[in-house]
C-alpha cells in the first residue's frame, strides 16, 4: 500500500514543520528589533534630560555673569560675602528651576593682577550652578577695576 500525500491548498503536507520554524525565526527577528528600538528610545530620553539640564545650568550661569558685569566693581580686599554691600549680588533663580533643585553661587574673587603691579586690579570670579548640591556647571570670569 502506498501512501500518497495530498496537497492542502498551495502547501504540501511535507512542509508542515517549516511554517513553524519560519514563525519562530520571524518572532526572534522582531524581538531583536523591538529591543533595539526600546534601547534607542531610552537613550534618546536620557539625552533629552541631560540636554535640558545643561541648558538650564548654562542659562543661570550666563545670567549671573551678566548681572555681575552691571554691578559696581568691588576690590578683592574689600569683598565680604557676609555683607551685601561688599559682595556681588546673586540673581533670583526662577521658582520652577529652584523647585528642581538649582542654585547659583559666586566664589570670593581672587586677585590675578593687583593695583601695585599694573595700576589696576584684575580679579577672577567663579560662578557655579548646582542642582541638588551637585555641581553642574562652573564658569570663570575676569573683571578689571576702573
N, C-alpha and C. Protein backbone atom coordinates (compact mmCIF):
# COMPACT_ATOMS: atom_id res chain seq x y z
N UNK A 1 0.82 -1.15 0.00
CA UNK A 1 0.00 0.00 0.00
C UNK A 1 0.89 1.24 0.00
N UNK A 2 0.60 2.08 -0.82
CA UNK A 2 1.34 3.32 -0.96
C UNK A 2 0.58 4.46 -0.33
N UNK A 3 1.35 5.21 0.39
CA UNK A 3 0.75 6.40 0.99
C UNK A 3 0.98 7.58 0.07
N UNK A 4 -0.05 8.26 -0.18
CA UNK A 4 0.06 9.46 -1.01
C UNK A 4 -0.18 10.68 -0.13
N UNK A 5 0.67 11.65 -0.30
CA UNK A 5 0.47 12.92 0.42
C UNK A 5 -0.34 13.84 -0.46
N UNK A 6 -1.34 14.38 0.13
CA UNK A 6 -2.20 15.29 -0.62
C UNK A 6 -1.72 16.72 -0.43
N UNK A 7 -2.08 17.51 -1.33
CA UNK A 7 -1.82 18.94 -1.22
C UNK A 7 -3.05 19.58 -0.60
N UNK A 8 -2.79 20.44 0.41
CA UNK A 8 -3.88 21.19 1.01
C UNK A 8 -3.64 22.64 0.61
N UNK A 9 -4.51 23.15 -0.15
CA UNK A 9 -4.32 24.50 -0.67
C UNK A 9 -3.06 24.51 -1.52
N UNK A 10 -2.16 25.43 -1.23
CA UNK A 10 -0.93 25.51 -2.01
C UNK A 10 0.26 24.98 -1.21
N UNK A 11 0.02 24.44 0.01
CA UNK A 11 1.10 23.96 0.85
C UNK A 11 1.13 22.44 0.78
N UNK A 12 2.30 21.92 0.53
CA UNK A 12 2.49 20.49 0.53
C UNK A 12 2.56 20.03 1.98
N UNK A 13 1.98 18.90 2.33
CA UNK A 13 1.96 18.44 3.72
C UNK A 13 3.34 18.11 4.25
N UNK A 14 4.31 17.87 3.41
CA UNK A 14 5.67 17.59 3.87
C UNK A 14 6.33 18.85 4.45
N UNK A 15 5.82 20.01 4.20
CA UNK A 15 6.41 21.26 4.66
C UNK A 15 5.72 21.78 5.92
N UNK A 16 4.99 20.98 6.65
CA UNK A 16 4.25 21.41 7.84
C UNK A 16 5.13 22.01 8.92
N UNK A 17 6.32 21.48 9.19
CA UNK A 17 7.20 22.00 10.22
C UNK A 17 7.94 23.26 9.81
N UNK A 18 8.05 23.52 8.55
CA UNK A 18 8.76 24.68 8.05
C UNK A 18 8.02 25.96 8.43
N UNK A 19 6.72 25.96 8.38
CA UNK A 19 5.95 27.14 8.72
C UNK A 19 6.19 27.54 10.18
N UNK A 20 6.24 26.58 11.08
CA UNK A 20 6.51 26.86 12.49
C UNK A 20 7.90 27.44 12.66
N UNK A 21 8.89 26.90 11.96
CA UNK A 21 10.25 27.41 12.02
C UNK A 21 10.32 28.84 11.49
N UNK A 22 9.62 29.12 10.41
CA UNK A 22 9.60 30.47 9.86
C UNK A 22 8.97 31.45 10.84
N UNK A 23 7.94 31.04 11.52
CA UNK A 23 7.30 31.92 12.51
C UNK A 23 8.25 32.19 13.67
N UNK A 24 8.96 31.18 14.15
CA UNK A 24 9.89 31.36 15.25
C UNK A 24 11.05 32.29 14.86
N UNK A 25 11.57 32.13 13.67
CA UNK A 25 12.65 33.00 13.19
C UNK A 25 12.13 34.43 13.06
N UNK A 26 10.94 34.61 12.53
CA UNK A 26 10.34 35.93 12.40
C UNK A 26 10.14 36.60 13.75
N UNK A 27 9.67 35.82 14.74
CA UNK A 27 9.49 36.37 16.08
C UNK A 27 10.82 36.76 16.71
N UNK A 28 11.85 35.97 16.48
CA UNK A 28 13.17 36.29 17.03
C UNK A 28 13.70 37.60 16.42
N UNK A 29 13.54 37.73 15.12
CA UNK A 29 13.98 38.96 14.45
C UNK A 29 13.18 40.15 14.97
N UNK A 30 11.88 39.99 15.11
CA UNK A 30 11.03 41.06 15.63
C UNK A 30 11.43 41.41 17.07
N UNK A 31 11.77 40.42 17.87
CA UNK A 31 12.22 40.68 19.25
C UNK A 31 13.51 41.47 19.28
N UNK A 32 14.47 41.15 18.44
CA UNK A 32 15.74 41.88 18.37
C UNK A 32 15.49 43.32 17.95
N UNK A 33 14.64 43.52 16.96
CA UNK A 33 14.31 44.87 16.51
C UNK A 33 13.61 45.64 17.63
N UNK A 34 12.70 44.99 18.34
CA UNK A 34 11.99 45.63 19.45
C UNK A 34 12.93 46.06 20.56
N UNK A 35 13.88 45.20 20.93
CA UNK A 35 14.85 45.54 21.98
C UNK A 35 15.72 46.71 21.52
N UNK A 36 16.16 46.69 20.28
CA UNK A 36 16.98 47.80 19.76
C UNK A 36 16.19 49.11 19.76
N UNK A 37 14.92 49.05 19.40
CA UNK A 37 14.09 50.25 19.38
C UNK A 37 13.89 50.80 20.80
N UNK A 38 13.59 49.95 21.75
CA UNK A 38 13.38 50.39 23.13
C UNK A 38 14.68 50.96 23.72
N UNK A 39 15.81 50.33 23.42
CA UNK A 39 17.09 50.84 23.89
C UNK A 39 17.37 52.22 23.29
N UNK A 40 17.10 52.39 22.02
CA UNK A 40 17.29 53.68 21.37
C UNK A 40 16.39 54.76 21.96
N UNK A 41 15.15 54.41 22.24
CA UNK A 41 14.23 55.38 22.84
C UNK A 41 14.68 55.77 24.25
N UNK A 42 15.16 54.82 25.03
CA UNK A 42 15.64 55.11 26.38
C UNK A 42 16.85 56.04 26.32
N UNK A 43 17.76 55.77 25.42
CA UNK A 43 18.94 56.61 25.25
C UNK A 43 18.54 58.02 24.83
N UNK A 44 17.57 58.12 23.94
CA UNK A 44 17.10 59.42 23.48
C UNK A 44 16.49 60.22 24.62
N UNK A 45 15.65 59.59 25.44
CA UNK A 45 15.02 60.30 26.56
C UNK A 45 16.06 60.73 27.59
N UNK A 46 17.06 59.91 27.83
CA UNK A 46 18.14 60.30 28.75
C UNK A 46 18.93 61.48 28.20
N UNK A 47 19.20 61.47 26.91
CA UNK A 47 19.93 62.57 26.28
C UNK A 47 19.13 63.87 26.35
N UNK A 48 17.83 63.78 26.20
CA UNK A 48 16.98 64.96 26.29
C UNK A 48 17.04 65.54 27.70
N UNK A 49 16.99 64.68 28.72
CA UNK A 49 17.07 65.15 30.10
C UNK A 49 18.41 65.83 30.38
N UNK A 50 19.50 65.24 29.91
CA UNK A 50 20.83 65.83 30.11
C UNK A 50 20.92 67.17 29.38
N UNK A 51 20.37 67.25 28.19
CA UNK A 51 20.40 68.48 27.42
C UNK A 51 19.61 69.58 28.13
N UNK A 52 18.44 69.25 28.65
CA UNK A 52 17.64 70.24 29.38
C UNK A 52 18.40 70.75 30.61
N UNK A 53 19.06 69.83 31.29
CA UNK A 53 19.82 70.20 32.48
C UNK A 53 20.97 71.14 32.12
N UNK A 54 21.66 70.84 31.05
CA UNK A 54 22.78 71.70 30.61
C UNK A 54 22.30 73.08 30.18
N UNK A 55 21.18 73.13 29.47
CA UNK A 55 20.65 74.41 29.02
C UNK A 55 20.24 75.26 30.22
N UNK A 56 19.58 74.65 31.20
CA UNK A 56 19.16 75.39 32.40
C UNK A 56 20.38 75.91 33.16
N UNK A 57 21.39 75.06 33.34
CA UNK A 57 22.59 75.47 34.07
C UNK A 57 23.33 76.57 33.33
N UNK A 58 23.46 76.45 32.02
CA UNK A 58 24.15 77.47 31.24
C UNK A 58 23.39 78.80 31.27
N UNK A 59 22.08 78.74 31.20
CA UNK A 59 21.28 79.95 31.25
C UNK A 59 21.44 80.67 32.58
N UNK A 60 21.41 79.91 33.68
CA UNK A 60 21.59 80.51 35.00
C UNK A 60 22.98 81.12 35.15
N UNK A 61 24.00 80.39 34.70
CA UNK A 61 25.37 80.89 34.82
C UNK A 61 25.57 82.16 34.00
N UNK A 62 25.07 82.19 32.78
CA UNK A 62 25.23 83.37 31.94
C UNK A 62 24.45 84.56 32.51
N UNK A 63 23.28 84.29 33.06
CA UNK A 63 22.51 85.37 33.69
C UNK A 63 23.28 85.96 34.86
N UNK A 64 23.89 85.08 35.67
CA UNK A 64 24.66 85.57 36.81
C UNK A 64 25.87 86.36 36.36
N UNK A 65 26.55 85.91 35.33
CA UNK A 65 27.73 86.63 34.81
C UNK A 65 27.31 88.02 34.33
N UNK A 66 26.22 88.10 33.58
CA UNK A 66 25.76 89.40 33.09
C UNK A 66 25.36 90.31 34.25
N UNK A 67 24.77 89.73 35.30
CA UNK A 67 24.37 90.52 36.45
C UNK A 67 25.60 91.04 37.22
N UNK A 68 26.64 90.25 37.28
CA UNK A 68 27.88 90.71 37.92
C UNK A 68 28.48 91.86 37.13
N UNK A 69 28.42 91.80 35.82
CA UNK A 69 29.00 92.85 34.97
C UNK A 69 28.35 94.21 35.19
N UNK A 70 27.07 94.25 35.50
CA UNK A 70 26.39 95.54 35.66
C UNK A 70 26.52 96.08 37.09
N UNK A 71 27.04 95.29 38.00
CA UNK A 71 27.21 95.75 39.37
C UNK A 71 28.52 96.53 39.51
N UNK A 72 28.58 97.37 40.54
CA UNK A 72 29.80 98.13 40.79
C UNK A 72 30.94 97.17 41.11
N UNK A 73 32.14 97.59 40.72
CA UNK A 73 33.34 96.78 40.98
C UNK A 73 33.65 96.83 42.48
N UNK A 74 33.96 95.69 43.05
CA UNK A 74 34.33 95.59 44.47
C UNK A 74 35.74 95.03 44.53
N UNK A 75 36.64 95.78 45.17
CA UNK A 75 38.02 95.31 45.31
C UNK A 75 38.04 94.03 46.12
N UNK A 76 38.98 93.15 45.80
CA UNK A 76 39.09 91.87 46.49
C UNK A 76 39.32 92.07 47.99
N UNK A 77 40.14 93.04 48.36
CA UNK A 77 40.43 93.27 49.78
C UNK A 77 39.20 93.76 50.55
N UNK A 78 38.25 94.38 49.84
CA UNK A 78 37.02 94.87 50.48
C UNK A 78 35.89 93.85 50.42
N UNK A 79 36.07 92.77 49.67
CA UNK A 79 34.98 91.83 49.43
C UNK A 79 34.67 91.02 50.69
N UNK A 80 33.40 91.00 51.08
CA UNK A 80 32.97 90.22 52.24
C UNK A 80 31.58 89.66 51.94
N UNK A 81 31.47 88.34 51.68
CA UNK A 81 30.17 87.77 51.31
C UNK A 81 29.12 87.85 52.42
N UNK A 82 29.53 88.14 53.64
CA UNK A 82 28.57 88.23 54.74
C UNK A 82 27.76 89.53 54.67
N UNK A 83 28.27 90.53 53.97
CA UNK A 83 27.59 91.82 53.88
C UNK A 83 27.23 92.10 52.42
N UNK A 84 25.95 92.29 52.13
CA UNK A 84 25.52 92.52 50.74
C UNK A 84 26.17 93.74 50.09
N UNK A 85 26.49 94.76 50.86
CA UNK A 85 27.08 95.97 50.29
C UNK A 85 28.51 95.74 49.79
N UNK A 86 29.16 94.71 50.30
CA UNK A 86 30.56 94.45 49.91
C UNK A 86 30.71 93.10 49.22
N UNK A 87 29.66 92.69 48.51
CA UNK A 87 29.74 91.45 47.73
C UNK A 87 28.84 91.57 46.51
N UNK A 88 29.09 90.74 45.52
CA UNK A 88 28.26 90.75 44.32
C UNK A 88 26.94 90.05 44.64
N UNK A 89 25.85 90.63 44.13
CA UNK A 89 24.53 90.06 44.37
C UNK A 89 24.29 88.85 43.49
N UNK A 90 23.51 87.91 44.02
CA UNK A 90 23.10 86.75 43.24
C UNK A 90 21.81 87.05 42.50
N UNK A 91 21.64 86.39 41.38
CA UNK A 91 20.37 86.50 40.66
C UNK A 91 19.30 85.74 41.44
N UNK A 92 18.06 86.02 41.12
CA UNK A 92 16.96 85.26 41.70
C UNK A 92 16.67 84.09 40.75
N UNK A 93 16.79 82.89 41.26
CA UNK A 93 16.50 81.70 40.45
C UNK A 93 14.99 81.57 40.35
N UNK A 94 14.50 81.35 39.13
CA UNK A 94 13.05 81.25 38.92
C UNK A 94 12.48 80.10 39.76
N UNK A 95 11.22 80.22 40.17
CA UNK A 95 10.62 79.20 41.05
C UNK A 95 10.63 77.79 40.46
N UNK A 96 10.44 77.67 39.14
CA UNK A 96 10.44 76.32 38.55
C UNK A 96 11.82 75.68 38.61
N UNK A 97 12.88 76.48 38.39
CA UNK A 97 14.24 75.93 38.48
C UNK A 97 14.64 75.72 39.94
N UNK A 98 14.21 76.61 40.83
CA UNK A 98 14.51 76.44 42.25
C UNK A 98 13.84 75.18 42.80
N UNK A 99 12.62 74.92 42.35
CA UNK A 99 11.93 73.70 42.82
C UNK A 99 12.58 72.44 42.26
N UNK A 100 13.30 72.59 41.13
CA UNK A 100 14.03 71.45 40.55
C UNK A 100 15.39 71.27 41.22
N UNK A 101 15.73 72.15 42.18
CA UNK A 101 16.97 71.99 42.93
C UNK A 101 18.14 72.82 42.44
N UNK A 102 17.91 73.77 41.53
CA UNK A 102 19.01 74.59 41.01
C UNK A 102 19.34 75.72 41.96
N UNK A 103 20.62 76.04 42.06
CA UNK A 103 21.08 77.19 42.84
C UNK A 103 22.34 77.74 42.17
N UNK A 104 22.62 79.03 42.45
CA UNK A 104 23.79 79.70 41.87
C UNK A 104 24.64 80.22 43.01
N UNK A 105 25.95 80.05 42.90
CA UNK A 105 26.90 80.54 43.90
C UNK A 105 28.00 81.33 43.20
N UNK A 106 28.51 82.31 43.92
CA UNK A 106 29.65 83.09 43.43
C UNK A 106 30.79 82.87 44.41
N UNK A 107 31.97 82.57 43.88
CA UNK A 107 33.13 82.42 44.74
C UNK A 107 33.65 83.79 45.16
N UNK A 108 34.43 83.80 46.21
CA UNK A 108 35.10 85.03 46.60
C UNK A 108 36.13 85.34 45.52
N UNK A 109 36.12 86.57 44.98
CA UNK A 109 37.06 86.90 43.91
C UNK A 109 38.52 86.73 44.35
N UNK A 110 39.35 86.35 43.41
CA UNK A 110 40.78 86.22 43.66
C UNK A 110 41.54 87.23 42.80
N UNK A 111 42.59 87.78 43.35
CA UNK A 111 43.40 88.76 42.62
C UNK A 111 44.26 88.02 41.60
N UNK A 112 44.20 88.48 40.36
CA UNK A 112 45.08 87.97 39.31
C UNK A 112 46.23 88.96 39.14
N UNK A 113 45.89 90.23 39.04
CA UNK A 113 46.88 91.32 38.99
C UNK A 113 46.43 92.36 40.01
N UNK A 114 47.31 92.70 40.93
CA UNK A 114 46.90 93.71 41.92
C UNK A 114 47.25 95.11 41.43
N UNK A 115 46.70 96.11 42.12
CA UNK A 115 46.87 97.50 41.69
C UNK A 115 48.32 97.95 41.70
N UNK A 116 49.12 97.40 42.58
CA UNK A 116 50.52 97.80 42.67
C UNK A 116 51.30 97.39 41.43
N UNK A 117 50.95 96.24 40.84
CA UNK A 117 51.68 95.73 39.68
C UNK A 117 51.33 96.46 38.40
N UNK A 118 50.02 96.70 38.20
CA UNK A 118 49.63 97.24 36.90
C UNK A 118 48.83 98.52 36.95
N UNK A 119 48.58 99.06 38.12
CA UNK A 119 47.77 100.26 38.22
C UNK A 119 46.28 99.97 38.17
N UNK A 120 45.94 98.73 38.09
CA UNK A 120 44.54 98.30 38.10
C UNK A 120 44.48 96.94 38.77
N UNK A 121 43.27 96.54 39.16
CA UNK A 121 43.11 95.21 39.76
C UNK A 121 42.34 94.34 38.78
N UNK A 122 42.87 93.16 38.56
CA UNK A 122 42.18 92.15 37.75
C UNK A 122 41.81 91.02 38.68
N UNK A 123 40.53 90.68 38.71
CA UNK A 123 40.08 89.62 39.61
C UNK A 123 39.41 88.50 38.83
N UNK A 124 39.52 87.32 39.39
CA UNK A 124 38.89 86.13 38.83
C UNK A 124 37.71 85.75 39.72
N UNK A 125 36.56 85.50 39.09
CA UNK A 125 35.35 85.13 39.82
C UNK A 125 34.80 83.84 39.21
N UNK A 126 34.47 82.89 40.05
CA UNK A 126 33.85 81.64 39.59
C UNK A 126 32.36 81.66 39.91
N UNK A 127 31.56 81.39 38.89
CA UNK A 127 30.11 81.25 39.05
C UNK A 127 29.80 79.76 38.92
N UNK A 128 29.18 79.21 39.96
CA UNK A 128 28.89 77.78 39.97
C UNK A 128 27.38 77.56 40.03
N UNK A 129 26.89 76.69 39.16
CA UNK A 129 25.48 76.29 39.18
C UNK A 129 25.42 74.87 39.70
N UNK A 130 24.57 74.68 40.69
CA UNK A 130 24.40 73.36 41.29
C UNK A 130 22.95 72.92 41.16
N UNK A 131 22.78 71.62 41.10
CA UNK A 131 21.44 71.04 41.15
C UNK A 131 21.47 69.96 42.22
N UNK A 132 20.66 70.14 43.23
CA UNK A 132 20.63 69.24 44.38
C UNK A 132 22.03 69.06 44.97
N UNK A 133 22.73 70.18 45.12
CA UNK A 133 24.08 70.25 45.67
C UNK A 133 25.13 69.52 44.85
N UNK A 134 24.83 69.19 43.64
CA UNK A 134 25.81 68.58 42.73
C UNK A 134 26.19 69.61 41.68
N UNK A 135 27.49 69.87 41.55
CA UNK A 135 27.94 70.90 40.59
C UNK A 135 27.64 70.45 39.17
N UNK A 136 26.94 71.33 38.44
CA UNK A 136 26.58 71.04 37.06
C UNK A 136 27.40 71.87 36.07
N UNK A 137 27.75 73.11 36.48
CA UNK A 137 28.49 73.98 35.56
C UNK A 137 29.23 75.03 36.37
N UNK A 138 30.46 75.33 35.94
CA UNK A 138 31.23 76.39 36.57
C UNK A 138 31.85 77.24 35.48
N UNK A 139 31.66 78.55 35.60
CA UNK A 139 32.21 79.49 34.63
C UNK A 139 33.14 80.44 35.39
N UNK A 140 34.31 80.67 34.85
CA UNK A 140 35.24 81.65 35.43
C UNK A 140 35.21 82.91 34.56
N UNK A 141 35.11 84.04 35.24
CA UNK A 141 35.14 85.31 34.52
C UNK A 141 36.20 86.19 35.16
N UNK A 142 36.58 87.23 34.44
CA UNK A 142 37.56 88.19 34.94
C UNK A 142 36.96 89.58 34.89
N UNK A 143 37.20 90.34 35.94
CA UNK A 143 36.77 91.74 35.99
C UNK A 143 37.98 92.60 36.26
N UNK A 144 37.96 93.78 35.69
CA UNK A 144 39.07 94.71 35.87
C UNK A 144 38.52 96.01 36.46
N UNK A 145 39.27 96.56 37.40
CA UNK A 145 38.84 97.82 38.02
C UNK A 145 39.05 98.98 37.07
N UNK A 146 38.27 100.02 37.26
CA UNK A 146 38.46 101.25 36.50
C UNK A 146 37.71 101.34 35.25
